[in-house]
Structure formats: C-alpha cells, structure tokens
Amino acid sequence: MYRVMLRMEVTENLHERFERAWLDGAGQIAQEPANVGQWLSRSTDEDGVYYIVSDWVDERSFREYERSERHRHHRARLHPYRTAGSMTTMDVLHATTGRAA
C-alpha cells in the first residue's frame, strides 16, 4: 500500500469552511478505483494545522490520480483556505489492528 500525508496550515477563522470543502471532495476521491481510504485530522499541538492521510493501492495509481483533472479540481477547492503545506509519501510496510478496532 502507498500512503500520502499532507500537512496543511489553514487560515484562521476558515477552519470550518476548510473541513466542509474537504468533506465535499472526499466522496469523489473515495470513488477512485485505487483509493483505499482517507482521513482528515486536526493537530492538537498546532493551531490551524491539519493532516490529510490517504492510502492507495500503489504509487503508480496515486501518481495517475495526482496528474488528473479530478485531482486539480479537488486541490483548487482546498487552496483558498491554506497558507502553507507539505506532502510526504511512503510505502506501508506493516500494519496491525488494535484491540479496540
């Protein structure tokens, strides 16, 4: 599995709008054949910092989506809310499920 983690700094007073914009686009991304899942998290240590994690079948499939018009449209919907951001990609090597799951 291939994991993508975005760190986004969101403009103060626009947090709720950002979250709604992400949710509006999340359903479309979930329809991508290679998308395994995605999560939006808000930092408890840094005000206005969000993390978006998405899992993909493999890197090739993610890169195809990343180059697509669908991705450009989704990214454009989030762009007005962010002041900075970064992306990290990784291969998932091992996974375990905790007892509470």
PDB file of N, CA and C in Angstrom:
ATOM      1  N   MET A   1       0.847  -1.170   0.000  1.00  0.00           N
ATOM      2  CA  MET A   1       0.000   0.000   0.000  1.00  0.00           C
ATOM      3  C   MET A   1       0.898   1.240   0.000  1.00  0.00           C
ATOM      4  N   TYR A   2       0.404   2.303  -0.612  1.00  0.00           N
ATOM      5  CA  TYR A   2       1.131   3.557  -0.741  1.00  0.00           C
ATOM      6  C   TYR A   2       0.355   4.623   0.031  1.00  0.00           C
ATOM      7  N   ARG A   3       1.038   5.341   0.918  1.00  0.00           N
ATOM      8  CA  ARG A   3       0.380   6.330   1.774  1.00  0.00           C
ATOM      9  C   ARG A   3       0.894   7.725   1.445  1.00  0.00           C
ATOM     10  N   VAL A   4      -0.038   8.665   1.417  1.00  0.00           N
ATOM     11  CA  VAL A   4       0.282  10.067   1.177  1.00  0.00           C
ATOM     12  C   VAL A   4      -0.186  10.848   2.398  1.00  0.00           C
ATOM     13  N   MET A   5       0.695  11.686   2.943  1.00  0.00           N
ATOM     14  CA  MET A   5       0.315  12.517   4.079  1.00  0.00           C
ATOM     15  C   MET A   5       0.575  13.976   3.730  1.00  0.00           C
ATOM     16  N   LEU A   6      -0.467  14.766   3.805  1.00  0.00           N
ATOM     17  CA  LEU A   6      -0.369  16.200   3.569  1.00  0.00           C
ATOM     18  C   LEU A   6      -0.463  16.924   4.894  1.00  0.00           C
ATOM     19  N   ARG A   7       0.357  17.907   5.083  1.00  0.00           N
ATOM     20  CA  ARG A   7       0.261  18.798   6.239  1.00  0.00           C
ATOM     21  C   ARG A   7      -0.183  20.145   5.707  1.00  0.00           C
ATOM     22  N   MET A   8      -1.290  20.646   6.218  1.00  0.00           N
ATOM     23  CA  MET A   8      -1.820  21.915   5.739  1.00  0.00           C
ATOM     24  C   MET A   8      -2.014  22.884   6.885  1.00  0.00           C
ATOM     25  N   GLU A   9      -1.550  24.097   6.673  1.00  0.00           N
ATOM     26  CA  GLU A   9      -1.804  25.181   7.606  1.00  0.00           C
ATOM     27  C   GLU A   9      -2.959  25.984   7.032  1.00  0.00           C
ATOM     28  N   VAL A  10      -4.014  26.110   7.812  1.00  0.00           N
ATOM     29  CA  VAL A  10      -5.258  26.702   7.342  1.00  0.00           C
ATOM     30  C   VAL A  10      -5.448  28.083   7.978  1.00  0.00           C
ATOM     31  N   THR A  11      -5.907  29.013   7.170  1.00  0.00           N
ATOM     32  CA  THR A  11      -6.138  30.382   7.606  1.00  0.00           C
ATOM     33  C   THR A  11      -7.077  30.421   8.805  1.00  0.00           C
ATOM     34  N   GLU A  12      -6.697  31.222   9.786  1.00  0.00           N
ATOM     35  CA  GLU A  12      -7.527  31.379  10.982  1.00  0.00           C
ATOM     36  C   GLU A  12      -8.932  31.827  10.582  1.00  0.00           C
ATOM     37  N   ASN A  13      -9.926  31.362  11.261  1.00  0.00           N
ATOM     38  CA  ASN A  13     -11.347  31.656  11.036  1.00  0.00           C
ATOM     39  C   ASN A  13     -11.916  30.960   9.809  1.00  0.00           C
ATOM     40  N   LEU A  14     -11.128  30.147   9.105  1.00  0.00           N
ATOM     41  CA  LEU A  14     -11.642  29.421   7.945  1.00  0.00           C
ATOM     42  C   LEU A  14     -11.609  27.910   8.158  1.00  0.00           C
ATOM     43  N   HIS A  15     -11.369  27.478   9.372  1.00  0.00           N
ATOM     44  CA  HIS A  15     -11.232  26.051   9.655  1.00  0.00           C
ATOM     45  C   HIS A  15     -12.487  25.266   9.290  1.00  0.00           C
ATOM     46  N   GLU A  16     -13.648  25.740   9.701  1.00  0.00           N
ATOM     47  CA  GLU A  16     -14.888  25.016   9.401  1.00  0.00           C
ATOM     48  C   GLU A  16     -15.136  24.936   7.902  1.00  0.00           C
ATOM     49  N   ARG A  17     -14.875  26.006   7.196  1.00  0.00           N
ATOM     50  CA  ARG A  17     -15.055  26.002   5.727  1.00  0.00           C
ATOM     51  C   ARG A  17     -14.099  25.011   5.069  1.00  0.00           C
ATOM     52  N   PHE A  18     -12.860  24.987   5.547  1.00  0.00           N
ATOM     53  CA  PHE A  18     -11.881  24.039   5.021  1.00  0.00           C
ATOM     54  C   PHE A  18     -12.362  22.610   5.237  1.00  0.00           C
ATOM     55  N   GLU A  19     -12.815  22.313   6.439  1.00  0.00           N
ATOM     56  CA  GLU A  19     -13.288  20.956   6.747  1.00  0.00           C
ATOM     57  C   GLU A  19     -14.466  20.570   5.847  1.00  0.00           C
ATOM     58  N   ARG A  20     -15.388  21.494   5.623  1.00  0.00           N
ATOM     59  CA  ARG A  20     -16.525  21.205   4.729  1.00  0.00           C
ATOM     60  C   ARG A  20     -16.056  20.977   3.296  1.00  0.00           C
ATOM     61  N   ALA A  21     -15.114  21.797   2.839  1.00  0.00           N
ATOM     62  CA  ALA A  21     -14.596  21.633   1.476  1.00  0.00           C
ATOM     63  C   ALA A  21     -13.913  20.276   1.327  1.00  0.00           C
ATOM     64  N   TRP A  22     -13.158  19.873   2.361  1.00  0.00           N
ATOM     65  CA  TRP A  22     -12.511  18.565   2.300  1.00  0.00           C
ATOM     66  C   TRP A  22     -13.558  17.460   2.255  1.00  0.00           C
ATOM     67  N   LEU A  23     -14.557  17.541   3.117  1.00  0.00           N
ATOM     68  CA  LEU A  23     -15.608  16.516   3.141  1.00  0.00           C
ATOM     69  C   LEU A  23     -16.354  16.443   1.812  1.00  0.00           C
ATOM     70  N   ASP A  24     -16.616  17.594   1.210  1.00  0.00           N
ATOM     71  CA  ASP A  24     -17.317  17.617  -0.083  1.00  0.00           C
ATOM     72  C   ASP A  24     -16.531  16.858  -1.144  1.00  0.00           C
ATOM     73  N   GLY A  25     -15.207  16.958  -1.111  1.00  0.00           N
ATOM     74  CA  GLY A  25     -14.387  16.281  -2.113  1.00  0.00           C
ATOM     75  C   GLY A  25     -14.014  14.853  -1.747  1.00  0.00           C
ATOM     76  N   ALA A  26     -14.105  14.514  -0.469  1.00  0.00           N
ATOM     77  CA  ALA A  26     -13.681  13.189  -0.016  1.00  0.00           C
ATOM     78  C   ALA A  26     -14.477  12.068  -0.677  1.00  0.00           C
ATOM     79  N   GLY A  27     -15.766  12.285  -0.869  1.00  0.00           N
ATOM     80  CA  GLY A  27     -16.591  11.263  -1.507  1.00  0.00           C
ATOM     81  C   GLY A  27     -16.158  10.980  -2.933  1.00  0.00           C
ATOM     82  N   GLN A  28     -15.729  12.022  -3.635  1.00  0.00           N
ATOM     83  CA  GLN A  28     -15.264  11.838  -5.007  1.00  0.00           C
ATOM     84  C   GLN A  28     -13.952  11.056  -5.040  1.00  0.00           C
ATOM     85  N   ILE A  29     -13.054  11.370  -4.122  1.00  0.00           N
ATOM     86  CA  ILE A  29     -11.785  10.642  -4.070  1.00  0.00           C
ATOM     87  C   ILE A  29     -12.034   9.182  -3.706  1.00  0.00           C
ATOM     88  N   ALA A  30     -12.980   8.946  -2.820  1.00  0.00           N
ATOM     89  CA  ALA A  30     -13.298   7.565  -2.421  1.00  0.00           C
ATOM     90  C   ALA A  30     -13.780   6.732  -3.604  1.00  0.00           C
ATOM     91  N   GLN A  31     -14.255   7.367  -4.657  1.00  0.00           N
ATOM     92  CA  GLN A  31     -14.716   6.656  -5.855  1.00  0.00           C
ATOM     93  C   GLN A  31     -13.582   6.276  -6.793  1.00  0.00           C
ATOM     94  N   GLU A  32     -12.387   6.800  -6.527  1.00  0.00           N
ATOM     95  CA  GLU A  32     -11.238   6.445  -7.362  1.00  0.00           C
ATOM     96  C   GLU A  32     -10.939   4.959  -7.157  1.00  0.00           C
ATOM     97  N   PRO A  33     -10.799   4.184  -8.220  1.00  0.00           N
ATOM     98  CA  PRO A  33     -10.602   2.741  -8.092  1.00  0.00           C
ATOM     99  C   PRO A  33      -9.409   2.336  -7.224  1.00  0.00           C
ATOM    100  N   ALA A  34      -8.377   3.144  -7.174  1.00  0.00           N
ATOM    101  CA  ALA A  34      -7.169   2.776  -6.436  1.00  0.00           C
ATOM    102  C   ALA A  34      -7.117   3.365  -5.027  1.00  0.00           C
ATOM    103  N   ASN A  35      -8.131   4.134  -4.639  1.00  0.00           N
ATOM    104  CA  ASN A  35      -8.123   4.730  -3.304  1.00  0.00           C
ATOM    105  C   ASN A  35      -8.609   3.727  -2.274  1.00  0.00           C
ATOM    106  N   VAL A  36      -7.788   3.503  -1.242  1.00  0.00           N
ATOM    107  CA  VAL A  36      -8.119   2.550  -0.176  1.00  0.00           C
ATOM    108  C   VAL A  36      -8.876   3.249   0.948  1.00  0.00           C
ATOM    109  N   GLY A  37      -8.523   4.484   1.248  1.00  0.00           N
ATOM    110  CA  GLY A  37      -9.180   5.239   2.314  1.00  0.00           C
ATOM    111  C   GLY A  37      -8.478   6.558   2.529  1.00  0.00           C
ATOM    112  N   GLN A  38      -9.129   7.423   3.319  1.00  0.00           N
ATOM    113  CA  GLN A  38      -8.553   8.735   3.591  1.00  0.00           C
ATOM    114  C   GLN A  38      -9.073   9.252   4.924  1.00  0.00           C
ATOM    115  N   TRP A  39      -8.277  10.122   5.538  1.00  0.00           N
ATOM    116  CA  TRP A  39      -8.582  10.644   6.859  1.00  0.00           C
ATOM    117  C   TRP A  39      -8.185  12.111   6.928  1.00  0.00           C
ATOM    118  N   LEU A  40      -9.017  12.912   7.581  1.00  0.00           N
ATOM    119  CA  LEU A  40      -8.691  14.304   7.872  1.00  0.00           C
ATOM    120  C   LEU A  40      -8.546  14.417   9.385  1.00  0.00           C
ATOM    121  N   SER A  41      -7.414  14.939   9.833  1.00  0.00           N
ATOM    122  CA  SER A  41      -7.158  15.107  11.263  1.00  0.00           C
ATOM    123  C   SER A  41      -6.706  16.536  11.522  1.00  0.00           C
ATOM    124  N   ARG A  42      -7.069  17.037  12.707  1.00  0.00           N
ATOM    125  CA  ARG A  42      -6.638  18.379  13.119  1.00  0.00           C
ATOM    126  C   ARG A  42      -5.620  18.218  14.251  1.00  0.00           C
ATOM    127  N   SER A  43      -4.523  18.919  14.157  1.00  0.00           N
ATOM    128  CA  SER A  43      -3.477  18.845  15.169  1.00  0.00           C
ATOM    129  C   SER A  43      -3.993  19.340  16.517  1.00  0.00           C
ATOM    130  N   THR A  44      -3.590  18.661  17.569  1.00  0.00           N
ATOM    131  CA  THR A  44      -3.894  19.128  18.923  1.00  0.00           C
ATOM    132  C   THR A  44      -2.730  19.934  19.488  1.00  0.00           C
ATOM    133  N   ASP A  45      -1.620  19.994  18.750  1.00  0.00           N
ATOM    134  CA  ASP A  45      -0.436  20.722  19.200  1.00  0.00           C
ATOM    135  C   ASP A  45      -0.247  22.070  18.513  1.00  0.00           C
ATOM    136  N   GLU A  46      -0.767  22.196  17.281  1.00  0.00           N
ATOM    137  CA  GLU A  46      -0.544  23.416  16.499  1.00  0.00           C
ATOM    138  C   GLU A  46      -1.883  23.925  15.978  1.00  0.00           C
ATOM    139  N   ASP A  47      -2.223  25.158  16.333  1.00  0.00           N
ATOM    140  CA  ASP A  47      -3.474  25.749  15.867  1.00  0.00           C
ATOM    141  C   ASP A  47      -3.481  25.864  14.350  1.00  0.00           C
ATOM    142  N   GLY A  48      -4.586  25.471  13.752  1.00  0.00           N
ATOM    143  CA  GLY A  48      -4.761  25.631  12.317  1.00  0.00           C
ATOM    144  C   GLY A  48      -4.020  24.638  11.451  1.00  0.00           C
ATOM    145  N   VAL A  49      -3.449  23.606  12.047  1.00  0.00           N
ATOM    146  CA  VAL A  49      -2.714  22.608  11.267  1.00  0.00           C
ATOM    147  C   VAL A  49      -3.561  21.356  11.126  1.00  0.00           C
ATOM    148  N   TYR A  50      -3.685  20.899   9.883  1.00  0.00           N
ATOM    149  CA  TYR A  50      -4.449  19.696   9.555  1.00  0.00           C
ATOM    150  C   TYR A  50      -3.536  18.706   8.848  1.00  0.00           C
ATOM    151  N   TYR A  51      -3.876  17.433   8.996  1.00  0.00           N
ATOM    152  CA  TYR A  51      -3.189  16.368   8.273  1.00  0.00           C
ATOM    153  C   TYR A  51      -4.221  15.580   7.470  1.00  0.00           C
ATOM    154  N   ILE A  52      -3.920  15.382   6.227  1.00  0.00           N
ATOM    155  CA  ILE A  52      -4.748  14.543   5.362  1.00  0.00           C
ATOM    156  C   ILE A  52      -3.909  13.321   5.020  1.00  0.00           C
ATOM    157  N   VAL A  53      -4.424  12.162   5.333  1.00  0.00           N
ATOM    158  CA  VAL A  53      -3.746  10.914   5.023  1.00  0.00           C
ATOM    159  C   VAL A  53      -4.633  10.143   4.061  1.00  0.00           C
ATOM    160  N   SER A  54      -4.051   9.682   2.974  1.00  0.00           N
ATOM    161  CA  SER A  54      -4.809   8.843   2.041  1.00  0.00           C
ATOM    162  C   SER A  54      -3.955   7.648   1.651  1.00  0.00           C
ATOM    163  N   ASP A  55      -4.609   6.514   1.549  1.00  0.00           N
ATOM    164  CA  ASP A  55      -3.944   5.274   1.171  1.00  0.00           C
ATOM    165  C   ASP A  55      -4.389   4.868  -0.227  1.00  0.00           C
ATOM    166  N   TRP A  56      -3.428   4.368  -0.989  1.00  0.00           N
ATOM    167  CA  TRP A  56      -3.643   3.995  -2.382  1.00  0.00           C
ATOM    168  C   TRP A  56      -3.101   2.593  -2.611  1.00  0.00           C
ATOM    169  N   VAL A  57      -3.603   1.926  -3.617  1.00  0.00           N
ATOM    170  CA  VAL A  57      -3.171   0.572  -3.941  1.00  0.00           C
ATOM    171  C   VAL A  57      -1.667   0.541  -4.202  1.00  0.00           C
ATOM    172  N   ASP A  58      -1.167   1.515  -4.946  1.00  0.00           N
ATOM    173  CA  ASP A  58       0.261   1.586  -5.248  1.00  0.00           C
ATOM    174  C   ASP A  58       0.621   3.000  -5.692  1.00  0.00           C
ATOM    175  N   GLU A  59       1.906   3.277  -5.797  1.00  0.00           N
ATOM    176  CA  GLU A  59       2.355   4.616  -6.173  1.00  0.00           C
ATOM    177  C   GLU A  59       1.911   4.995  -7.585  1.00  0.00           C
ATOM    178  N   ARG A  60       2.022   4.077  -8.520  1.00  0.00           N
ATOM    179  CA  ARG A  60       1.629   4.374  -9.895  1.00  0.00           C
ATOM    180  C   ARG A  60       0.190   4.882  -9.965  1.00  0.00           C
ATOM    181  N   SER A  61      -0.700   4.221  -9.265  1.00  0.00           N
ATOM    182  CA  SER A  61      -2.111   4.620  -9.284  1.00  0.00           C
ATOM    183  C   SER A  61      -2.306   5.996  -8.659  1.00  0.00           C
ATOM    184  N   PHE A  62      -1.600   6.257  -7.555  1.00  0.00           N
ATOM    185  CA  PHE A  62      -1.702   7.581  -6.941  1.00  0.00           C
ATOM    186  C   PHE A  62      -1.191   8.649  -7.892  1.00  0.00           C
ATOM    187  N   ARG A  63      -0.047   8.406  -8.536  1.00  0.00           N
ATOM    188  CA  ARG A  63       0.531   9.410  -9.441  1.00  0.00           C
ATOM    189  C   ARG A  63      -0.398   9.676 -10.630  1.00  0.00           C
ATOM    190  N   GLU A  64      -1.077   8.649 -11.104  1.00  0.00           N
ATOM    191  CA  GLU A  64      -2.059   8.859 -12.177  1.00  0.00           C
ATOM    192  C   GLU A  64      -3.167   9.788 -11.704  1.00  0.00           C
ATOM    193  N   TYR A  65      -3.667   9.540 -10.512  1.00  0.00           N
ATOM    194  CA  TYR A  65      -4.706  10.413  -9.960  1.00  0.00           C
ATOM    195  C   TYR A  65      -4.158  11.825  -9.756  1.00  0.00           C
ATOM    196  N   GLU A  66      -2.941  11.934  -9.239  1.00  0.00           N
ATOM    197  CA  GLU A  66      -2.335  13.232  -8.962  1.00  0.00           C
ATOM    198  C   GLU A  66      -2.226  14.098 -10.223  1.00  0.00           C
ATOM    199  N   ARG A  67      -2.039  13.471 -11.371  1.00  0.00           N
ATOM    200  CA  ARG A  67      -1.924  14.203 -12.638  1.00  0.00           C
ATOM    201  C   ARG A  67      -3.279  14.475 -13.290  1.00  0.00           C
ATOM    202  N   SER A  68      -4.342  13.969 -12.712  1.00  0.00           N
ATOM    203  CA  SER A  68      -5.659  14.063 -13.350  1.00  0.00           C
ATOM    204  C   SER A  68      -6.330  15.420 -13.116  1.00  0.00           C
ATOM    205  N   GLU A  69      -7.257  15.724 -13.987  1.00  0.00           N
ATOM    206  CA  GLU A  69      -8.065  16.935 -13.831  1.00  0.00           C
ATOM    207  C   GLU A  69      -8.914  16.852 -12.560  1.00  0.00           C
ATOM    208  N   ARG A  70      -9.351  15.661 -12.196  1.00  0.00           N
ATOM    209  CA  ARG A  70     -10.141  15.474 -10.970  1.00  0.00           C
ATOM    210  C   ARG A  70      -9.350  15.934  -9.747  1.00  0.00           C
ATOM    211  N   HIS A  71      -8.067  15.581  -9.714  1.00  0.00           N
ATOM    212  CA  HIS A  71      -7.232  15.994  -8.587  1.00  0.00           C
ATOM    213  C   HIS A  71      -7.007  17.502  -8.587  1.00  0.00           C
ATOM    214  N   ARG A  72      -6.748  18.062  -9.747  1.00  0.00           N
ATOM    215  CA  ARG A  72      -6.537  19.502  -9.830  1.00  0.00           C
ATOM    216  C   ARG A  72      -7.772  20.260  -9.345  1.00  0.00           C
ATOM    217  N   HIS A  73      -8.944  19.754  -9.667  1.00  0.00           N
ATOM    218  CA  HIS A  73     -10.194  20.387  -9.230  1.00  0.00           C
ATOM    219  C   HIS A  73     -10.318  20.312  -7.701  1.00  0.00           C
ATOM    220  N   HIS A  74     -10.061  19.147  -7.121  1.00  0.00           N
ATOM    221  CA  HIS A  74     -10.148  18.982  -5.672  1.00  0.00           C
ATOM    222  C   HIS A  74      -9.133  19.880  -4.965  1.00  0.00           C
ATOM    223  N   ARG A  75      -7.917  19.890  -5.452  1.00  0.00           N
ATOM    224  CA  ARG A  75      -6.869  20.719  -4.860  1.00  0.00           C
ATOM    225  C   ARG A  75      -7.240  22.200  -4.916  1.00  0.00           C
ATOM    226  N   ALA A  76      -7.833  22.627  -6.014  1.00  0.00           N
ATOM    227  CA  ALA A  76      -8.235  24.031  -6.166  1.00  0.00           C
ATOM    228  C   ALA A  76      -9.315  24.415  -5.152  1.00  0.00           C
ATOM    229  N   ARG A  77     -10.159  23.466  -4.785  1.00  0.00           N
ATOM    230  CA  ARG A  77     -11.208  23.750  -3.796  1.00  0.00           C
ATOM    231  C   ARG A  77     -10.631  23.977  -2.404  1.00  0.00           C
ATOM    232  N   LEU A  78      -9.499  23.353  -2.091  1.00  0.00           N
ATOM    233  CA  LEU A  78      -8.886  23.497  -0.772  1.00  0.00           C
ATOM    234  C   LEU A  78      -7.902  24.670  -0.700  1.00  0.00           C
ATOM    235  N   HIS A  79      -7.358  25.045  -1.833  1.00  0.00           N
ATOM    236  CA  HIS A  79      -6.291  26.046  -1.874  1.00  0.00           C
ATOM    237  C   HIS A  79      -6.651  27.380  -1.208  1.00  0.00           C
ATOM    238  N   PRO A  80      -7.856  27.907  -1.357  1.00  0.00           N
ATOM    239  CA  PRO A  80      -8.152  29.217  -0.749  1.00  0.00           C
ATOM    240  C   PRO A  80      -8.051  29.235   0.776  1.00  0.00           C
ATOM    241  N   TYR A  81      -8.072  28.096   1.409  1.00  0.00           N
ATOM    242  CA  TYR A  81      -8.072  28.035   2.865  1.00  0.00           C
ATOM    243  C   TYR A  81      -6.688  27.850   3.467  1.00  0.00           C
ATOM    244  N   ARG A  82      -5.726  27.478   2.680  1.00  0.00           N
ATOM    245  CA  ARG A  82      -4.420  27.138   3.234  1.00  0.00           C
ATOM    246  C   ARG A  82      -3.417  28.271   3.085  1.00  0.00           C
ATOM    247  N   THR A  83      -2.519  28.344   4.052  1.00  0.00           N
ATOM    248  CA  THR A  83      -1.444  29.334   3.994  1.00  0.00           C
ATOM    249  C   THR A  83      -0.112  28.672   3.695  1.00  0.00           C
ATOM    250  N   ALA A  84      -0.003  27.376   3.976  1.00  0.00           N
ATOM    251  CA  ALA A  84       1.227  26.619   3.709  1.00  0.00           C
ATOM    252  C   ALA A  84       0.884  25.141   3.747  1.00  0.00           C
ATOM    253  N   GLY A  85       1.789  24.338   3.219  1.00  0.00           N
ATOM    254  CA  GLY A  85       1.556  22.904   3.252  1.00  0.00           C
ATOM    255  C   GLY A  85       2.759  22.132   2.753  1.00  0.00           C
ATOM    256  N   SER A  86       2.726  20.843   3.012  1.00  0.00           N
ATOM    257  CA  SER A  86       3.779  19.959   2.528  1.00  0.00           C
ATOM    258  C   SER A  86       3.193  18.571   2.315  1.00  0.00           C
ATOM    259  N   MET A  87       3.893  17.749   1.534  1.00  0.00           N
ATOM    260  CA  MET A  87       3.440  16.402   1.250  1.00  0.00           C
ATOM    261  C   MET A  87       4.576  15.420   1.497  1.00  0.00           C
ATOM    262  N   THR A  88       4.225  14.305   2.134  1.00  0.00           N
ATOM    263  CA  THR A  88       5.153  13.206   2.372  1.00  0.00           C
ATOM    264  C   THR A  88       4.509  11.942   1.832  1.00  0.00           C
ATOM    265  N   THR A  89       5.293  11.122   1.150  1.00  0.00           N
ATOM    266  CA  THR A  89       4.771   9.854   0.643  1.00  0.00           C
ATOM    267  C   THR A  89       5.570   8.715   1.251  1.00  0.00           C
ATOM    268  N   MET A  90       4.928   7.556   1.354  1.00  0.00           N
ATOM    269  CA  MET A  90       5.607   6.417   1.969  1.00  0.00           C
ATOM    270  C   MET A  90       4.979   5.106   1.539  1.00  0.00           C
ATOM    271  N   ASP A  91       5.758   4.051   1.624  1.00  0.00           N
ATOM    272  CA  ASP A  91       5.259   2.691   1.433  1.00  0.00           C
ATOM    273  C   ASP A  91       4.908   2.140   2.801  1.00  0.00           C
ATOM    274  N   VAL A  92       3.705   1.593   2.936  1.00  0.00           N
ATOM    275  CA  VAL A  92       3.306   0.954   4.191  1.00  0.00           C
ATOM    276  C   VAL A  92       3.943  -0.433   4.212  1.00  0.00           C
ATOM    277  N   LEU A  93       4.741  -0.692   5.226  1.00  0.00           N
ATOM    278  CA  LEU A  93       5.457  -1.960   5.322  1.00  0.00           C
ATOM    279  C   LEU A  93       4.688  -3.003   6.131  1.00  0.00           C
ATOM    280  N   HIS A  94       4.129  -2.583   7.251  1.00  0.00           N
ATOM    281  CA  HIS A  94       3.404  -3.493   8.127  1.00  0.00           C
ATOM    282  C   HIS A  94       2.216  -2.761   8.726  1.00  0.00           C
ATOM    283  N   ALA A  95       1.186  -3.474   9.046  1.00  0.00           N
ATOM    284  CA  ALA A  95       0.025  -2.891   9.712  1.00  0.00           C
ATOM    285  C   ALA A  95      -0.530  -3.897  10.705  1.00  0.00           C
ATOM    286  N   THR A  96      -0.973  -3.401  11.834  1.00  0.00           N
ATOM    287  CA  THR A  96      -1.634  -4.233  12.820  1.00  0.00           C
ATOM    288  C   THR A  96      -2.921  -3.548  13.227  1.00  0.00           C
ATOM    289  N   THR A  97      -3.855  -4.314  13.691  1.00  0.00           N
ATOM    290  CA  THR A  97      -5.118  -3.766  14.158  1.00  0.00           C
ATOM    291  C   THR A  97      -5.146  -3.886  15.680  1.00  0.00           C
ATOM    292  N   GLY A  98      -5.464  -2.799  16.337  1.00  0.00           N
ATOM    293  CA  GLY A  98      -5.510  -2.806  17.793  1.00  0.00           C
ATOM    294  C   GLY A  98      -6.765  -3.468  18.326  1.00  0.00           C
ATOM    295  N   ARG A  99      -6.740  -3.791  19.558  1.00  0.00           N
ATOM    296  CA  ARG A  99      -7.849  -4.489  20.219  1.00  0.00           C
ATOM    297  C   ARG A  99      -9.152  -3.710  20.126  1.00  0.00           C
ATOM    298  N   ALA A 100      -9.103  -2.384  20.232  1.00  0.00           N
ATOM    299  CA  ALA A 100     -10.321  -1.582  20.225  1.00  0.00           C
ATOM    300  C   ALA A 100     -11.003  -1.539  18.863  1.00  0.00           C
ATOM    301  N   ALA A 101     -10.298  -1.923  17.817  1.00  0.00           N
ATOM    302  CA  ALA A 101     -10.892  -1.901  16.483  1.00  0.00           C
ATOM    303  C   ALA A 101     -11.948  -2.970  16.401  1.00  0.00           C
TER     304      ALA A 101
END
